[in-house]
Amino acid sequence: MKNIILTGMPGCGKSTVGVVLAKTLGMRFIDTDLIIQQEQHDVLQHLIERFGVKRFEEMEEEALLSVMETEDTVIATGGSAVFCERGMNFLKQTGVCVYLEVPCDELKRRLSNIRTRGIAAAKGMTIEDIFNERSPYYEKYADIRIDCRDMHIEEITEIIAKRMNDEKSK
């Protein structure tokens, strides 16, 4: 099976869905945020504060380009990975990009820790600002869009698994 690349806003469920999806489909799981943390020996928020958004996005692109598994892997990308054109194009060559869409108002409920979560954004940006800036990029790279509004992890996983099985049988 091709790789499944999960994109979407922070708080949309990429990492959680990714783990459950990998278990459901018998695939490997990689979280590119964790690659960055492991390589840099620090949490995302500290890295953004120390190096700034621009350098963090370079780290993010390096993490995307480091994913060498060519099949059978669910890859949860960081929320700002879609700004890394070279990295996203590299990943898309290996699989299907799934955009987990969550409305902005629901994200605001989920993201109570925007200042400590490790979200790469300019100082003073609100969740709405980040949402509006990133949404066109998520749409640009999406092969499949899943409306995750009011859905549980298991429902989202089931929809993606079915879509992937449909793609496989084409």
C-alpha atoms as a PDB file:
ATOM      1  CA  MET A   1       0.000   0.000   0.000  1.00  0.00           C
ATOM      2  CA  LYS A   2       1.127   3.547  -0.658  1.00  0.00           C
ATOM      3  CA  ASN A   3       2.000   5.845   2.198  1.00  0.00           C
ATOM      4  CA  ILE A   4      -0.784   7.904   3.750  1.00  0.00           C
ATOM      5  CA  ILE A   5       0.306  11.470   4.465  1.00  0.00           C
ATOM      6  CA  LEU A   6      -1.909  13.297   6.966  1.00  0.00           C
ATOM      7  CA  THR A   7      -2.089  17.087   6.840  1.00  0.00           C
ATOM      8  CA  GLY A   8      -4.221  19.655   8.588  1.00  0.00           C
ATOM      9  CA  MET A   9      -4.277  22.301  11.253  1.00  0.00           C
ATOM     10  CA  PRO A  10      -2.765  21.739  14.690  1.00  0.00           C
ATOM     11  CA  GLY A  11      -5.437  20.041  16.764  1.00  0.00           C
ATOM     12  CA  CYS A  12      -7.181  18.337  13.838  1.00  0.00           C
ATOM     13  CA  GLY A  13      -6.021  14.891  15.002  1.00  0.00           C
ATOM     14  CA  LYS A  14      -3.184  13.980  12.615  1.00  0.00           C
ATOM     15  CA  SER A  15      -1.061  12.217  15.224  1.00  0.00           C
ATOM     16  CA  THR A  16      -3.938  10.468  16.984  1.00  0.00           C
ATOM     17  CA  VAL A  17      -5.651   9.403  13.771  1.00  0.00           C
ATOM     18  CA  GLY A  18      -2.272   8.366  12.377  1.00  0.00           C
ATOM     19  CA  VAL A  19      -1.539   5.930  15.190  1.00  0.00           C
ATOM     20  CA  VAL A  20      -5.010   4.343  15.056  1.00  0.00           C
ATOM     21  CA  LEU A  21      -4.970   4.213  11.249  1.00  0.00           C
ATOM     22  CA  ALA A  22      -1.553   2.537  11.210  1.00  0.00           C
ATOM     23  CA  LYS A  23      -2.779  -0.093  13.680  1.00  0.00           C
ATOM     24  CA  THR A  24      -5.987  -0.628  11.704  1.00  0.00           C
ATOM     25  CA  LEU A  25      -4.215  -1.065   8.368  1.00  0.00           C
ATOM     26  CA  GLY A  26      -1.106  -2.849   9.686  1.00  0.00           C
ATOM     27  CA  MET A  27       1.174  -0.018   8.611  1.00  0.00           C
ATOM     28  CA  ARG A  28       4.110   1.815  10.186  1.00  0.00           C
ATOM     29  CA  PHE A  29       3.611   5.257  11.741  1.00  0.00           C
ATOM     30  CA  ILE A  30       5.858   8.312  11.629  1.00  0.00           C
ATOM     31  CA  ASP A  31       5.186  11.723  13.152  1.00  0.00           C
ATOM     32  CA  THR A  32       7.451  14.358  11.598  1.00  0.00           C
ATOM     33  CA  ASP A  33       7.087  16.610  14.666  1.00  0.00           C
ATOM     34  CA  LEU A  34       8.623  13.811  16.737  1.00  0.00           C
ATOM     35  CA  ILE A  35      11.473  13.467  14.229  1.00  0.00           C
ATOM     36  CA  ILE A  36      12.289  17.143  14.800  1.00  0.00           C
ATOM     37  CA  GLN A  37      12.096  16.800  18.585  1.00  0.00           C
ATOM     38  CA  GLN A  38      14.306  13.714  18.586  1.00  0.00           C
ATOM     39  CA  GLU A  39      16.914  15.264  16.300  1.00  0.00           C
ATOM     40  CA  GLN A  40      16.969  18.593  18.144  1.00  0.00           C
ATOM     41  CA  HIS A  41      16.600  17.141  21.673  1.00  0.00           C
ATOM     42  CA  ASP A  42      13.935  19.685  22.564  1.00  0.00           C
ATOM     43  CA  VAL A  43      10.195  20.302  22.276  1.00  0.00           C
ATOM     44  CA  LEU A  44       8.737  22.190  19.322  1.00  0.00           C
ATOM     45  CA  GLN A  45       7.761  25.316  21.256  1.00  0.00           C
ATOM     46  CA  HIS A  46      11.292  25.777  22.601  1.00  0.00           C
ATOM     47  CA  LEU A  47      12.738  25.299  19.119  1.00  0.00           C
ATOM     48  CA  ILE A  48      10.402  27.926  17.648  1.00  0.00           C
ATOM     49  CA  GLU A  49      11.226  30.353  20.464  1.00  0.00           C
ATOM     50  CA  ARG A  50      14.979  29.754  20.191  1.00  0.00           C
ATOM     51  CA  PHE A  51      15.412  29.659  16.400  1.00  0.00           C
ATOM     52  CA  GLY A  52      12.334  31.445  15.041  1.00  0.00           C
ATOM     53  CA  VAL A  53       9.644  30.318  12.622  1.00  0.00           C
ATOM     54  CA  LYS A  54      11.821  30.462   9.486  1.00  0.00           C
ATOM     55  CA  ARG A  55      14.510  28.136  10.902  1.00  0.00           C
ATOM     56  CA  PHE A  56      11.832  25.867  12.371  1.00  0.00           C
ATOM     57  CA  GLU A  57      10.264  25.497   8.912  1.00  0.00           C
ATOM     58  CA  GLU A  58      13.696  24.516   7.578  1.00  0.00           C
ATOM     59  CA  MET A  59      13.883  21.828  10.288  1.00  0.00           C
ATOM     60  CA  GLU A  60      10.404  20.724   9.273  1.00  0.00           C
ATOM     61  CA  GLU A  61      11.427  20.401   5.630  1.00  0.00           C
ATOM     62  CA  GLU A  62      14.513  18.396   6.648  1.00  0.00           C
ATOM     63  CA  ALA A  63      12.235  16.078   8.644  1.00  0.00           C
ATOM     64  CA  LEU A  64       9.884  15.593   5.671  1.00  0.00           C
ATOM     65  CA  LEU A  65      12.797  14.837   3.354  1.00  0.00           C
ATOM     66  CA  SER A  66      14.224  12.350   5.859  1.00  0.00           C
ATOM     67  CA  VAL A  67      11.198  10.038   5.633  1.00  0.00           C
ATOM     68  CA  MET A  68      12.630   7.230   3.568  1.00  0.00           C
ATOM     69  CA  GLU A  69       9.979   4.539   3.953  1.00  0.00           C
ATOM     70  CA  THR A  70       8.489   4.220   0.515  1.00  0.00           C
ATOM     71  CA  GLU A  71       5.387   2.225   1.352  1.00  0.00           C
ATOM     72  CA  ASP A  72       3.075   1.050   4.091  1.00  0.00           C
ATOM     73  CA  THR A  73       3.609   4.072   6.347  1.00  0.00           C
ATOM     74  CA  VAL A  74       1.168   6.561   7.825  1.00  0.00           C
ATOM     75  CA  ILE A  75       2.949   9.906   8.108  1.00  0.00           C
ATOM     76  CA  ALA A  76       1.557  12.643  10.356  1.00  0.00           C
ATOM     77  CA  THR A  77       3.046  15.953   9.262  1.00  0.00           C
ATOM     78  CA  GLY A  78       3.382  19.074  11.356  1.00  0.00           C
ATOM     79  CA  GLY A  79       0.704  21.693  10.855  1.00  0.00           C
ATOM     80  CA  SER A  80       3.075  24.013   9.001  1.00  0.00           C
ATOM     81  CA  ALA A  81       4.618  21.274   6.817  1.00  0.00           C
ATOM     82  CA  VAL A  82       2.511  22.481   3.891  1.00  0.00           C
ATOM     83  CA  PHE A  83       4.783  25.534   3.672  1.00  0.00           C
ATOM     84  CA  CYS A  84       7.666  23.173   2.788  1.00  0.00           C
ATOM     85  CA  GLU A  85       7.055  22.720  -0.924  1.00  0.00           C
ATOM     86  CA  ARG A  86      10.052  20.475  -1.590  1.00  0.00           C
ATOM     87  CA  GLY A  87       9.241  18.252   1.394  1.00  0.00           C
ATOM     88  CA  MET A  88       5.553  17.956   0.570  1.00  0.00           C
ATOM     89  CA  ASN A  89       6.247  17.147  -3.082  1.00  0.00           C
ATOM     90  CA  PHE A  90       8.730  14.491  -1.942  1.00  0.00           C
ATOM     91  CA  LEU A  91       6.133  12.863   0.335  1.00  0.00           C
ATOM     92  CA  LYS A  92       3.379  13.054  -2.269  1.00  0.00           C
ATOM     93  CA  GLN A  93       5.530  10.990  -4.644  1.00  0.00           C
ATOM     94  CA  THR A  94       5.253   8.118  -2.167  1.00  0.00           C
ATOM     95  CA  GLY A  95       1.574   8.194  -1.346  1.00  0.00           C
ATOM     96  CA  VAL A  96      -1.776   9.813  -0.892  1.00  0.00           C
ATOM     97  CA  CYS A  97      -2.160  13.103   0.962  1.00  0.00           C
ATOM     98  CA  VAL A  98      -5.200  13.244   3.256  1.00  0.00           C
ATOM     99  CA  TYR A  99      -6.333  16.626   4.564  1.00  0.00           C
ATOM    100  CA  LEU A 100      -8.138  16.335   7.896  1.00  0.00           C
ATOM    101  CA  GLU A 101     -10.459  19.346   7.762  1.00  0.00           C
ATOM    102  CA  VAL A 102     -11.769  20.808  10.995  1.00  0.00           C
ATOM    103  CA  PRO A 103     -13.700  24.100  11.113  1.00  0.00           C
ATOM    104  CA  CYS A 104     -11.964  27.027  12.777  1.00  0.00           C
ATOM    105  CA  ASP A 105     -14.502  27.304  15.616  1.00  0.00           C
ATOM    106  CA  GLU A 106     -13.939  23.657  16.547  1.00  0.00           C
ATOM    107  CA  LEU A 107     -10.165  24.154  16.433  1.00  0.00           C
ATOM    108  CA  LYS A 108     -10.492  27.065  18.848  1.00  0.00           C
ATOM    109  CA  ARG A 109     -12.196  24.717  21.320  1.00  0.00           C
ATOM    110  CA  ARG A 110      -9.496  22.077  20.877  1.00  0.00           C
ATOM    111  CA  LEU A 111      -6.460  24.404  20.999  1.00  0.00           C
ATOM    112  CA  SER A 112      -6.421  25.845  24.471  1.00  0.00           C
ATOM    113  CA  ASN A 113      -2.607  25.820  24.530  1.00  0.00           C
ATOM    114  CA  ILE A 114      -1.741  27.732  21.329  1.00  0.00           C
ATOM    115  CA  ARG A 115       1.218  29.482  23.015  1.00  0.00           C
ATOM    116  CA  THR A 116       2.829  26.292  24.339  1.00  0.00           C
ATOM    117  CA  ARG A 117       1.874  23.679  21.748  1.00  0.00           C
ATOM    118  CA  GLY A 118       4.650  24.400  19.269  1.00  0.00           C
ATOM    119  CA  ILE A 119       2.712  26.050  16.469  1.00  0.00           C
ATOM    120  CA  ALA A 120       4.949  27.762  13.918  1.00  0.00           C
ATOM    121  CA  ALA A 121       3.334  31.167  13.481  1.00  0.00           C
ATOM    122  CA  ALA A 122       4.315  34.787  13.771  1.00  0.00           C
ATOM    123  CA  LYS A 123       3.813  36.399  17.148  1.00  0.00           C
ATOM    124  CA  GLY A 124       0.313  37.707  17.657  1.00  0.00           C
ATOM    125  CA  MET A 125      -1.349  35.426  15.114  1.00  0.00           C
ATOM    126  CA  THR A 126      -4.686  34.049  16.223  1.00  0.00           C
ATOM    127  CA  ILE A 127      -6.062  30.609  15.430  1.00  0.00           C
ATOM    128  CA  GLU A 128      -8.218  32.287  12.768  1.00  0.00           C
ATOM    129  CA  ASP A 129      -5.143  33.928  11.215  1.00  0.00           C
ATOM    130  CA  ILE A 130      -3.261  30.630  11.143  1.00  0.00           C
ATOM    131  CA  PHE A 131      -6.309  28.813   9.751  1.00  0.00           C
ATOM    132  CA  ASN A 132      -6.806  31.386   6.979  1.00  0.00           C
ATOM    133  CA  GLU A 133      -3.116  31.378   6.059  1.00  0.00           C
ATOM    134  CA  ARG A 134      -2.750  27.597   5.902  1.00  0.00           C
ATOM    135  CA  SER A 135      -6.083  26.364   4.498  1.00  0.00           C
ATOM    136  CA  PRO A 136      -5.214  27.054   0.833  1.00  0.00           C
ATOM    137  CA  TYR A 137      -1.999  25.025   1.228  1.00  0.00           C
ATOM    138  CA  TYR A 138      -3.802  22.052   2.795  1.00  0.00           C
ATOM    139  CA  GLU A 139      -6.251  22.143  -0.108  1.00  0.00           C
ATOM    140  CA  LYS A 140      -3.419  22.427  -2.643  1.00  0.00           C
ATOM    141  CA  TYR A 141      -1.725  19.212  -1.508  1.00  0.00           C
ATOM    142  CA  ALA A 142      -4.852  17.186  -0.685  1.00  0.00           C
ATOM    143  CA  ASP A 143      -5.636  14.109  -2.725  1.00  0.00           C
ATOM    144  CA  ILE A 144      -8.433  13.297  -0.278  1.00  0.00           C
ATOM    145  CA  ARG A 145     -10.291  15.698   2.001  1.00  0.00           C
ATOM    146  CA  ILE A 146     -12.052  14.401   5.111  1.00  0.00           C
ATOM    147  CA  ASP A 147     -14.522  16.659   6.919  1.00  0.00           C
ATOM    148  CA  CYS A 148     -13.743  15.751  10.534  1.00  0.00           C
ATOM    149  CA  ARG A 149     -16.382  18.016  12.046  1.00  0.00           C
ATOM    150  CA  ASP A 150     -17.910  16.361  15.128  1.00  0.00           C
ATOM    151  CA  MET A 151     -16.333  12.992  14.294  1.00  0.00           C
ATOM    152  CA  HIS A 152     -14.561  10.531  16.578  1.00  0.00           C
ATOM    153  CA  ILE A 153     -11.115   9.116  15.787  1.00  0.00           C
ATOM    154  CA  GLU A 154     -12.588   5.724  14.923  1.00  0.00           C
ATOM    155  CA  GLU A 155     -15.009   7.260  12.391  1.00  0.00           C
ATOM    156  CA  ILE A 156     -12.239   9.238  10.715  1.00  0.00           C
ATOM    157  CA  THR A 157     -10.006   6.169  10.622  1.00  0.00           C
ATOM    158  CA  GLU A 158     -12.781   4.079   9.086  1.00  0.00           C
ATOM    159  CA  ILE A 159     -13.411   6.654   6.351  1.00  0.00           C
ATOM    160  CA  ILE A 160      -9.707   6.894   5.452  1.00  0.00           C
ATOM    161  CA  ALA A 161      -9.277   3.098   5.491  1.00  0.00           C
ATOM    162  CA  LYS A 162     -12.281   2.691   3.180  1.00  0.00           C
ATOM    163  CA  ARG A 163     -11.019   5.409   0.820  1.00  0.00           C
ATOM    164  CA  MET A 164      -7.568   3.798   0.719  1.00  0.00           C
ATOM    165  CA  ASN A 165      -9.057   0.372  -0.007  1.00  0.00           C
ATOM    166  CA  ASP A 166     -11.163   1.946  -2.782  1.00  0.00           C
ATOM    167  CA  GLU A 167      -8.015   3.574  -4.230  1.00  0.00           C
ATOM    168  CA  LYS A 168      -6.151   0.265  -4.039  1.00  0.00           C
ATOM    169  CA  SER A 169      -8.851  -1.615  -5.931  1.00  0.00           C
ATOM    170  CA  LYS A 170      -8.857   0.864  -8.858  1.00  0.00           C
END
